[in-house]
Amino acid sequence: MLFTYYGNPSKILNILEGSFFRNIYISILESIHEYAISLNIC
């Protein structure tokens, strides 16, 4: 992938930013889900 986009640094930055924000979004959703499960158990 890096060799494909080696000539265009902006595409590399877009890929890194996309995965970065996607990981934050997934971690937030997982924490909310675990919090809801703990409320249901208690």
N, C-alpha and C. Protein backbone atom coordinates (compact mmCIF):
# COMPACT_ATOMS: atom_id res chain seq x y z
N MET A 1 0.84 -1.20 0.00
CA MET A 1 0.00 0.00 0.00
C MET A 1 0.87 1.25 0.00
N LEU A 2 1.91 1.24 0.82
CA LEU A 2 2.78 2.42 0.87
C LEU A 2 3.51 2.61 -0.45
N PHE A 3 3.87 1.52 -1.13
CA PHE A 3 4.54 1.65 -2.41
C PHE A 3 3.59 2.20 -3.47
N THR A 4 2.32 1.86 -3.35
CA THR A 4 1.34 2.34 -4.33
C THR A 4 1.15 3.85 -4.20
N TYR A 5 1.11 4.35 -2.96
CA TYR A 5 0.84 5.77 -2.72
C TYR A 5 2.13 6.54 -2.38
N TYR A 6 3.29 5.95 -2.74
CA TYR A 6 4.55 6.58 -2.36
C TYR A 6 4.71 7.95 -3.01
N GLY A 7 4.17 8.14 -4.20
CA GLY A 7 4.33 9.40 -4.91
C GLY A 7 3.37 10.47 -4.44
N ASN A 8 2.42 10.12 -3.58
CA ASN A 8 1.43 11.10 -3.14
C ASN A 8 1.32 11.08 -1.61
N PRO A 9 2.06 11.92 -0.89
CA PRO A 9 2.07 11.90 0.57
C PRO A 9 0.71 12.22 1.18
N SER A 10 -0.10 13.02 0.49
CA SER A 10 -1.40 13.39 1.04
C SER A 10 -2.31 12.16 1.17
N LYS A 11 -2.19 11.22 0.22
CA LYS A 11 -2.99 10.00 0.32
C LYS A 11 -2.55 9.17 1.52
N ILE A 12 -1.25 9.13 1.80
CA ILE A 12 -0.76 8.40 2.97
C ILE A 12 -1.33 9.04 4.23
N LEU A 13 -1.31 10.37 4.29
CA LEU A 13 -1.85 11.06 5.47
C LEU A 13 -3.34 10.79 5.62
N ASN A 14 -4.07 10.78 4.50
CA ASN A 14 -5.50 10.50 4.57
C ASN A 14 -5.78 9.10 5.08
N ILE A 15 -4.97 8.13 4.66
CA ILE A 15 -5.15 6.75 5.13
C ILE A 15 -4.86 6.68 6.63
N LEU A 16 -3.79 7.31 7.07
CA LEU A 16 -3.43 7.26 8.48
C LEU A 16 -4.49 7.96 9.33
N GLU A 17 -4.97 9.12 8.89
CA GLU A 17 -5.99 9.84 9.65
C GLU A 17 -7.29 9.05 9.69
N GLY A 18 -7.65 8.43 8.58
CA GLY A 18 -8.89 7.65 8.54
C GLY A 18 -8.85 6.50 9.53
N SER A 19 -7.73 5.76 9.55
CA SER A 19 -7.63 4.63 10.47
C SER A 19 -7.56 5.12 11.91
N PHE A 20 -6.91 6.28 12.13
CA PHE A 20 -6.79 6.83 13.48
C PHE A 20 -8.15 7.18 14.05
N PHE A 21 -8.94 7.94 13.29
CA PHE A 21 -10.26 8.34 13.78
C PHE A 21 -11.20 7.14 13.85
N ARG A 22 -11.03 6.16 12.95
CA ARG A 22 -11.86 4.97 12.99
C ARG A 22 -11.59 4.18 14.27
N ASN A 23 -10.31 4.08 14.67
CA ASN A 23 -9.98 3.37 15.90
C ASN A 23 -10.55 4.08 17.12
N ILE A 24 -10.51 5.41 17.15
CA ILE A 24 -11.09 6.16 18.26
C ILE A 24 -12.59 5.93 18.32
N TYR A 25 -13.26 5.97 17.17
CA TYR A 25 -14.70 5.78 17.11
C TYR A 25 -15.09 4.39 17.59
N ILE A 26 -14.34 3.37 17.17
CA ILE A 26 -14.63 1.99 17.58
C ILE A 26 -14.39 1.83 19.08
N SER A 27 -13.32 2.42 19.62
CA SER A 27 -13.05 2.28 21.04
C SER A 27 -14.12 2.97 21.88
N ILE A 28 -14.63 4.12 21.40
CA ILE A 28 -15.71 4.80 22.12
C ILE A 28 -16.97 3.94 22.11
N LEU A 29 -17.30 3.36 20.96
CA LEU A 29 -18.48 2.50 20.87
C LEU A 29 -18.34 1.29 21.79
N GLU A 30 -17.14 0.70 21.85
CA GLU A 30 -16.92 -0.47 22.70
C GLU A 30 -17.06 -0.11 24.17
N SER A 31 -16.55 1.05 24.58
CA SER A 31 -16.65 1.46 25.98
C SER A 31 -18.10 1.72 26.36
N ILE A 32 -18.87 2.35 25.46
CA ILE A 32 -20.29 2.58 25.73
C ILE A 32 -21.03 1.25 25.84
N HIS A 33 -20.68 0.31 24.98
CA HIS A 33 -21.33 -1.00 24.99
C HIS A 33 -21.03 -1.74 26.30
N GLU A 34 -19.77 -1.71 26.74
CA GLU A 34 -19.40 -2.37 27.99
C GLU A 34 -20.08 -1.69 29.17
N TYR A 35 -20.21 -0.38 29.15
CA TYR A 35 -20.89 0.35 30.22
C TYR A 35 -22.37 -0.05 30.28
N ALA A 36 -23.01 -0.17 29.13
CA ALA A 36 -24.42 -0.59 29.08
C ALA A 36 -24.57 -2.02 29.61
N ILE A 37 -23.63 -2.89 29.28
CA ILE A 37 -23.69 -4.27 29.78
C ILE A 37 -23.54 -4.28 31.31
N SER A 38 -22.63 -3.48 31.85
CA SER A 38 -22.44 -3.45 33.30
C SER A 38 -23.69 -2.91 34.00
N LEU A 39 -24.37 -1.95 33.38
CA LEU A 39 -25.61 -1.44 33.97
C LEU A 39 -26.69 -2.51 33.97
N ASN A 40 -26.77 -3.28 32.91
CA ASN A 40 -27.78 -4.33 32.83
C ASN A 40 -27.51 -5.44 33.84
N ILE A 41 -26.24 -5.75 34.07
CA ILE A 41 -25.90 -6.79 35.04
C ILE A 41 -26.23 -6.31 36.45
N CYS A 42 -25.89 -5.07 36.76
CA CYS A 42 -26.18 -4.56 38.10
C CYS A 42 -27.67 -4.25 38.22
